[in-house]
Amino acid sequence: KPYMPLGTLRAALFYPQVARNEDAT
């Protein structure tokens, strides 16, 4: 059961690190 942190979907994808602006990737 994955953990989905409160916030943006971008933040959830990079969790637990800081989200990055890599839209193409």
PDB file of all heavy atoms in Angstrom:
ATOM      1  N   LYS A   1       0.871  -1.187   0.000  1.00  0.00           N
ATOM      2  CA  LYS A   1       0.000   0.000   0.000  1.00  0.00           C
ATOM      3  C   LYS A   1       0.900   1.226   0.000  1.00  0.00           C
ATOM      4  O   LYS A   1       1.411   1.640   1.018  1.00  0.00           O
ATOM      5  CB  LYS A   1      -0.889  -0.001   1.246  1.00  0.00           C
ATOM      6  CG  LYS A   1      -1.797   1.218   1.366  1.00  0.00           C
ATOM      7  CD  LYS A   1      -2.880   1.207   0.307  1.00  0.00           C
ATOM      8  CE  LYS A   1      -3.934   2.290   0.608  1.00  0.00           C
ATOM      9  NZ  LYS A   1      -3.657   3.547  -0.081  1.00  0.00           N
ATOM     10  N   PRO A   2       1.138   1.816  -1.173  1.00  0.00           N
ATOM     11  CA  PRO A   2       2.090   2.935  -1.256  1.00  0.00           C
ATOM     12  C   PRO A   2       1.626   4.139  -0.441  1.00  0.00           C
ATOM     13  O   PRO A   2       0.431   4.351  -0.244  1.00  0.00           O
ATOM     14  CB  PRO A   2       2.110   3.268  -2.751  1.00  0.00           C
ATOM     15  CG  PRO A   2       1.547   2.073  -3.436  1.00  0.00           C
ATOM     16  CD  PRO A   2       0.565   1.475  -2.479  1.00  0.00           C
ATOM     17  N   TYR A   3       2.606   4.905  -0.020  1.00  0.00           N
ATOM     18  CA  TYR A   3       2.292   6.140   0.694  1.00  0.00           C
ATOM     19  C   TYR A   3       2.206   7.283  -0.299  1.00  0.00           C
ATOM     20  O   TYR A   3       3.121   7.515  -1.090  1.00  0.00           O
ATOM     21  CB  TYR A   3       3.366   6.439   1.742  1.00  0.00           C
ATOM     22  CG  TYR A   3       3.165   7.768   2.436  1.00  0.00           C
ATOM     23  CD1 TYR A   3       2.030   8.000   3.204  1.00  0.00           C
ATOM     24  CD2 TYR A   3       4.103   8.786   2.316  1.00  0.00           C
ATOM     25  CE1 TYR A   3       1.830   9.214   3.845  1.00  0.00           C
ATOM     26  CE2 TYR A   3       3.918  10.002   2.949  1.00  0.00           C
ATOM     27  CZ  TYR A   3       2.773  10.217   3.703  1.00  0.00           C
ATOM     28  OH  TYR A   3       2.572  11.420   4.327  1.00  0.00           O
ATOM     29  N   MET A   4       1.081   7.994  -0.261  1.00  0.00           N
ATOM     30  CA  MET A   4       0.874   9.165  -1.107  1.00  0.00           C
ATOM     31  C   MET A   4       0.873  10.410  -0.211  1.00  0.00           C
ATOM     32  O   MET A   4      -0.108  10.652   0.515  1.00  0.00           O
ATOM     33  CB  MET A   4      -0.464   9.072  -1.850  1.00  0.00           C
ATOM     34  CG  MET A   4      -0.571   7.942  -2.844  1.00  0.00           C
ATOM     35  SD  MET A   4       0.391   8.254  -4.352  1.00  0.00           S
ATOM     36  CE  MET A   4       1.597   6.942  -4.229  1.00  0.00           C
ATOM     37  N   PRO A   5       1.948  11.187  -0.205  1.00  0.00           N
ATOM     38  CA  PRO A   5       2.002  12.356   0.682  1.00  0.00           C
ATOM     39  C   PRO A   5       1.000  13.421   0.252  1.00  0.00           C
ATOM     40  O   PRO A   5       0.586  13.484  -0.908  1.00  0.00           O
ATOM     41  CB  PRO A   5       3.442  12.856   0.516  1.00  0.00           C
ATOM     42  CG  PRO A   5       3.825  12.416  -0.862  1.00  0.00           C
ATOM     43  CD  PRO A   5       3.142  11.091  -1.062  1.00  0.00           C
ATOM     44  N   LEU A   6       0.621  14.264   1.205  1.00  0.00           N
ATOM     45  CA  LEU A   6      -0.238  15.394   0.871  1.00  0.00           C
ATOM     46  C   LEU A   6       0.555  16.383   0.017  1.00  0.00           C
ATOM     47  O   LEU A   6       1.708  16.673   0.298  1.00  0.00           O
ATOM     48  CB  LEU A   6      -0.725  16.079   2.153  1.00  0.00           C
ATOM     49  CG  LEU A   6      -1.586  15.235   3.096  1.00  0.00           C
ATOM     50  CD1 LEU A   6      -1.882  16.015   4.379  1.00  0.00           C
ATOM     51  CD2 LEU A   6      -2.879  14.832   2.415  1.00  0.00           C
ATOM     52  N   GLY A   7      -0.077  16.889  -1.017  1.00  0.00           N
ATOM     53  CA  GLY A   7       0.608  17.835  -1.898  1.00  0.00           C
ATOM     54  C   GLY A   7       0.332  17.533  -3.356  1.00  0.00           C
ATOM     55  O   GLY A   7      -0.706  16.970  -3.710  1.00  0.00           O
ATOM     56  N   THR A   8       1.291  17.890  -4.220  1.00  0.00           N
ATOM     57  CA  THR A   8       1.108  17.706  -5.657  1.00  0.00           C
ATOM     58  C   THR A   8       1.448  16.284  -6.071  1.00  0.00           C
ATOM     59  O   THR A   8       2.145  15.552  -5.354  1.00  0.00           O
ATOM     60  CB  THR A   8       2.000  18.676  -6.436  1.00  0.00           C
ATOM     61  OG1 THR A   8       3.377  18.354  -6.175  1.00  0.00           O
ATOM     62  CG2 THR A   8       1.740  20.122  -6.029  1.00  0.00           C
ATOM     63  N   LEU A   9       0.992  15.913  -7.254  1.00  0.00           N
ATOM     64  CA  LEU A   9       1.330  14.599  -7.815  1.00  0.00           C
ATOM     65  C   LEU A   9       2.816  14.528  -8.118  1.00  0.00           C
ATOM     66  O   LEU A   9       3.444  13.475  -7.960  1.00  0.00           O
ATOM     67  CB  LEU A   9       0.508  14.350  -9.079  1.00  0.00           C
ATOM     68  CG  LEU A   9       0.743  13.020  -9.793  1.00  0.00           C
ATOM     69  CD1 LEU A   9       0.427  11.848  -8.871  1.00  0.00           C
ATOM     70  CD2 LEU A   9      -0.088  12.933 -11.068  1.00  0.00           C
ATOM     71  N   ARG A  10       3.403  15.639  -8.530  1.00  0.00           N
ATOM     72  CA  ARG A  10       4.848  15.677  -8.792  1.00  0.00           C
ATOM     73  C   ARG A  10       5.614  15.317  -7.521  1.00  0.00           C
ATOM     74  O   ARG A  10       6.563  14.524  -7.556  1.00  0.00           O
ATOM     75  CB  ARG A  10       5.245  17.067  -9.278  1.00  0.00           C
ATOM     76  CG  ARG A  10       6.730  17.190  -9.688  1.00  0.00           C
ATOM     77  CD  ARG A  10       7.108  18.651  -9.910  1.00  0.00           C
ATOM     78  NE  ARG A  10       6.285  19.266 -10.952  1.00  0.00           N
ATOM     79  CZ  ARG A  10       6.578  19.231 -12.241  1.00  0.00           C
ATOM     80  NH1 ARG A  10       7.670  18.602 -12.652  1.00  0.00           N
ATOM     81  NH2 ARG A  10       5.793  19.825 -13.103  1.00  0.00           N
ATOM     82  N   ALA A  11       5.200  15.897  -6.386  1.00  0.00           N
ATOM     83  CA  ALA A  11       5.863  15.596  -5.107  1.00  0.00           C
ATOM     84  C   ALA A  11       5.703  14.123  -4.751  1.00  0.00           C
ATOM     85  O   ALA A  11       6.617  13.493  -4.204  1.00  0.00           O
ATOM     86  CB  ALA A  11       5.295  16.474  -4.005  1.00  0.00           C
ATOM     87  N   ALA A  12       4.532  13.536  -5.067  1.00  0.00           N
ATOM     88  CA  ALA A  12       4.301  12.121  -4.779  1.00  0.00           C
ATOM     89  C   ALA A  12       5.219  11.237  -5.613  1.00  0.00           C
ATOM     90  O   ALA A  12       5.701  10.205  -5.144  1.00  0.00           O
ATOM     91  CB  ALA A  12       2.837  11.768  -5.048  1.00  0.00           C
ATOM     92  N   LEU A  13       5.474  11.632  -6.871  1.00  0.00           N
ATOM     93  CA  LEU A  13       6.338  10.836  -7.745  1.00  0.00           C
ATOM     94  C   LEU A  13       7.786  10.835  -7.265  1.00  0.00           C
ATOM     95  O   LEU A  13       8.485   9.833  -7.382  1.00  0.00           O
ATOM     96  CB  LEU A  13       6.271  11.380  -9.174  1.00  0.00           C
ATOM     97  CG  LEU A  13       5.010  11.013  -9.962  1.00  0.00           C
ATOM     98  CD1 LEU A  13       4.819  11.937 -11.154  1.00  0.00           C
ATOM     99  CD2 LEU A  13       5.082   9.555 -10.421  1.00  0.00           C
ATOM    100  N   PHE A  14       8.255  11.941  -6.711  1.00  0.00           N
ATOM    101  CA  PHE A  14       9.652  12.043  -6.289  1.00  0.00           C
ATOM    102  C   PHE A  14       9.851  11.713  -4.805  1.00  0.00           C
ATOM    103  O   PHE A  14      10.979  11.741  -4.327  1.00  0.00           O
ATOM    104  CB  PHE A  14      10.185  13.459  -6.565  1.00  0.00           C
ATOM    105  CG  PHE A  14      10.557  13.703  -7.991  1.00  0.00           C
ATOM    106  CD1 PHE A  14       9.649  14.281  -8.862  1.00  0.00           C
ATOM    107  CD2 PHE A  14      11.800  13.344  -8.475  1.00  0.00           C
ATOM    108  CE1 PHE A  14       9.984  14.517 -10.193  1.00  0.00           C
ATOM    109  CE2 PHE A  14      12.151  13.572  -9.793  1.00  0.00           C
ATOM    110  CZ  PHE A  14      11.232  14.161 -10.665  1.00  0.00           C
ATOM    111  N   TYR A  15       8.772  11.413  -4.080  1.00  0.00           N
ATOM    112  CA  TYR A  15       8.872  11.154  -2.647  1.00  0.00           C
ATOM    113  C   TYR A  15       9.826   9.991  -2.370  1.00  0.00           C
ATOM    114  O   TYR A  15       9.807   8.995  -3.077  1.00  0.00           O
ATOM    115  CB  TYR A  15       7.475  10.819  -2.091  1.00  0.00           C
ATOM    116  CG  TYR A  15       7.434  10.690  -0.588  1.00  0.00           C
ATOM    117  CD1 TYR A  15       7.296  11.814   0.213  1.00  0.00           C
ATOM    118  CD2 TYR A  15       7.559   9.443   0.027  1.00  0.00           C
ATOM    119  CE1 TYR A  15       7.264  11.699   1.599  1.00  0.00           C
ATOM    120  CE2 TYR A  15       7.532   9.335   1.409  1.00  0.00           C
ATOM    121  CZ  TYR A  15       7.382  10.459   2.183  1.00  0.00           C
ATOM    122  OH  TYR A  15       7.362  10.346   3.557  1.00  0.00           O
ATOM    123  N   PRO A  16      10.753  10.081  -1.388  1.00  0.00           N
ATOM    124  CA  PRO A  16      10.839  11.110  -0.346  1.00  0.00           C
ATOM    125  C   PRO A  16      11.805  12.246  -0.667  1.00  0.00           C
ATOM    126  O   PRO A  16      12.164  13.012   0.228  1.00  0.00           O
ATOM    127  CB  PRO A  16      11.334  10.312   0.854  1.00  0.00           C
ATOM    128  CG  PRO A  16      12.255   9.310   0.240  1.00  0.00           C
ATOM    129  CD  PRO A  16      11.631   8.944  -1.085  1.00  0.00           C
ATOM    130  N   GLN A  17      12.268  12.357  -1.920  1.00  0.00           N
ATOM    131  CA  GLN A  17      13.162  13.435  -2.284  1.00  0.00           C
ATOM    132  C   GLN A  17      12.365  14.662  -2.721  1.00  0.00           C
ATOM    133  O   GLN A  17      11.140  14.608  -2.881  1.00  0.00           O
ATOM    134  CB  GLN A  17      14.108  12.979  -3.399  1.00  0.00           C
ATOM    135  CG  GLN A  17      15.063  11.868  -2.988  1.00  0.00           C
ATOM    136  CD  GLN A  17      16.044  11.509  -4.093  1.00  0.00           C
ATOM    137  OE1 GLN A  17      16.146  12.193  -5.110  1.00  0.00           O
ATOM    138  NE2 GLN A  17      16.768  10.407  -3.906  1.00  0.00           N
ATOM    139  N   VAL A  18      13.056  15.762  -2.922  1.00  0.00           N
ATOM    140  CA  VAL A  18      12.423  16.993  -3.372  1.00  0.00           C
ATOM    141  C   VAL A  18      12.064  16.862  -4.846  1.00  0.00           C
ATOM    142  O   VAL A  18      12.858  16.357  -5.650  1.00  0.00           O
ATOM    143  CB  VAL A  18      13.363  18.197  -3.148  1.00  0.00           C
ATOM    144  CG1 VAL A  18      12.729  19.483  -3.661  1.00  0.00           C
ATOM    145  CG2 VAL A  18      13.709  18.329  -1.666  1.00  0.00           C
ATOM    146  N   ALA A  19      10.858  17.306  -5.199  1.00  0.00           N
ATOM    147  CA  ALA A  19      10.394  17.197  -6.584  1.00  0.00           C
ATOM    148  C   ALA A  19      11.261  18.047  -7.512  1.00  0.00           C
ATOM    149  O   ALA A  19      11.749  19.118  -7.132  1.00  0.00           O
ATOM    150  CB  ALA A  19       8.939  17.637  -6.678  1.00  0.00           C
ATOM    151  N   ARG A  20      11.442  17.548  -8.750  1.00  0.00           N
ATOM    152  CA  ARG A  20      12.239  18.249  -9.749  1.00  0.00           C
ATOM    153  C   ARG A  20      11.374  18.561 -10.975  1.00  0.00           C
ATOM    154  O   ARG A  20      10.436  17.831 -11.297  1.00  0.00           O
ATOM    155  CB  ARG A  20      13.449  17.400 -10.162  1.00  0.00           C
ATOM    156  CG  ARG A  20      14.351  17.013  -8.990  1.00  0.00           C
ATOM    157  CD  ARG A  20      15.651  16.395  -9.490  1.00  0.00           C
ATOM    158  NE  ARG A  20      15.450  15.118 -10.157  1.00  0.00           N
ATOM    159  CZ  ARG A  20      15.514  13.934  -9.556  1.00  0.00           C
ATOM    160  NH1 ARG A  20      15.735  13.867  -8.244  1.00  0.00           N
ATOM    161  NH2 ARG A  20      15.344  12.819 -10.247  1.00  0.00           N
ATOM    162  N   ASN A  21      11.732  19.616 -11.674  1.00  0.00           N
ATOM    163  CA  ASN A  21      11.003  20.004 -12.887  1.00  0.00           C
ATOM    164  C   ASN A  21      11.572  19.276 -14.098  1.00  0.00           C
ATOM    165  O   ASN A  21      12.361  19.825 -14.871  1.00  0.00           O
ATOM    166  CB  ASN A  21      11.073  21.522 -13.086  1.00  0.00           C
ATOM    167  CG  ASN A  21      10.341  22.282 -12.001  1.00  0.00           C
ATOM    168  OD1 ASN A  21       9.278  21.855 -11.567  1.00  0.00           O
ATOM    169  ND2 ASN A  21      10.908  23.387 -11.557  1.00  0.00           N
ATOM    170  N   GLU A  22      11.199  18.016 -14.236  1.00  0.00           N
ATOM    171  CA  GLU A  22      11.648  17.181 -15.362  1.00  0.00           C
ATOM    172  C   GLU A  22      10.419  16.687 -16.116  1.00  0.00           C
ATOM    173  O   GLU A  22      10.127  15.494 -16.167  1.00  0.00           O
ATOM    174  CB  GLU A  22      12.491  16.017 -14.842  1.00  0.00           C
ATOM    175  CG  GLU A  22      13.735  16.463 -14.079  1.00  0.00           C
ATOM    176  CD  GLU A  22      14.529  15.295 -13.507  1.00  0.00           C
ATOM    177  OE1 GLU A  22      14.095  14.131 -13.694  1.00  0.00           O
ATOM    178  OE2 GLU A  22      15.573  15.536 -12.881  1.00  0.00           O
ATOM    179  N   ASP A  23       9.690  17.630 -16.695  1.00  0.00           N
ATOM    180  CA  ASP A  23       8.399  17.301 -17.289  1.00  0.00           C
ATOM    181  C   ASP A  23       8.509  16.318 -18.446  1.00  0.00           C
ATOM    182  O   ASP A  23       7.642  15.440 -18.612  1.00  0.00           O
ATOM    183  CB  ASP A  23       7.701  18.578 -17.766  1.00  0.00           C
ATOM    184  CG  ASP A  23       7.207  19.418 -16.594  1.00  0.00           C
ATOM    185  OD1 ASP A  23       7.499  19.037 -15.442  1.00  0.00           O
ATOM    186  OD2 ASP A  23       6.553  20.440 -16.824  1.00  0.00           O
ATOM    187  N   ALA A  24       9.564  16.440 -19.254  1.00  0.00           N
ATOM    188  CA  ALA A  24       9.718  15.528 -20.391  1.00  0.00           C
ATOM    189  C   ALA A  24       9.915  14.093 -19.898  1.00  0.00           C
ATOM    190  O   ALA A  24       9.290  13.151 -20.409  1.00  0.00           O
ATOM    191  CB  ALA A  24      10.905  15.954 -21.262  1.00  0.00           C
ATOM    192  N   THR A  25      10.768  13.935 -18.887  1.00  0.00           N
ATOM    193  CA  THR A  25      11.001  12.604 -18.310  1.00  0.00           C
ATOM    194  C   THR A  25       9.725  12.066 -17.678  1.00  0.00           C
ATOM    195  O   THR A  25       9.374  10.889 -17.845  1.00  0.00           O
ATOM    196  CB  THR A  25      12.120  12.673 -17.254  1.00  0.00           C
ATOM    197  OG1 THR A  25      13.313  13.151 -17.858  1.00  0.00           O
ATOM    198  CG2 THR A  25      12.372  11.312 -16.642  1.00  0.00           C
TER     199      THR A  25
END
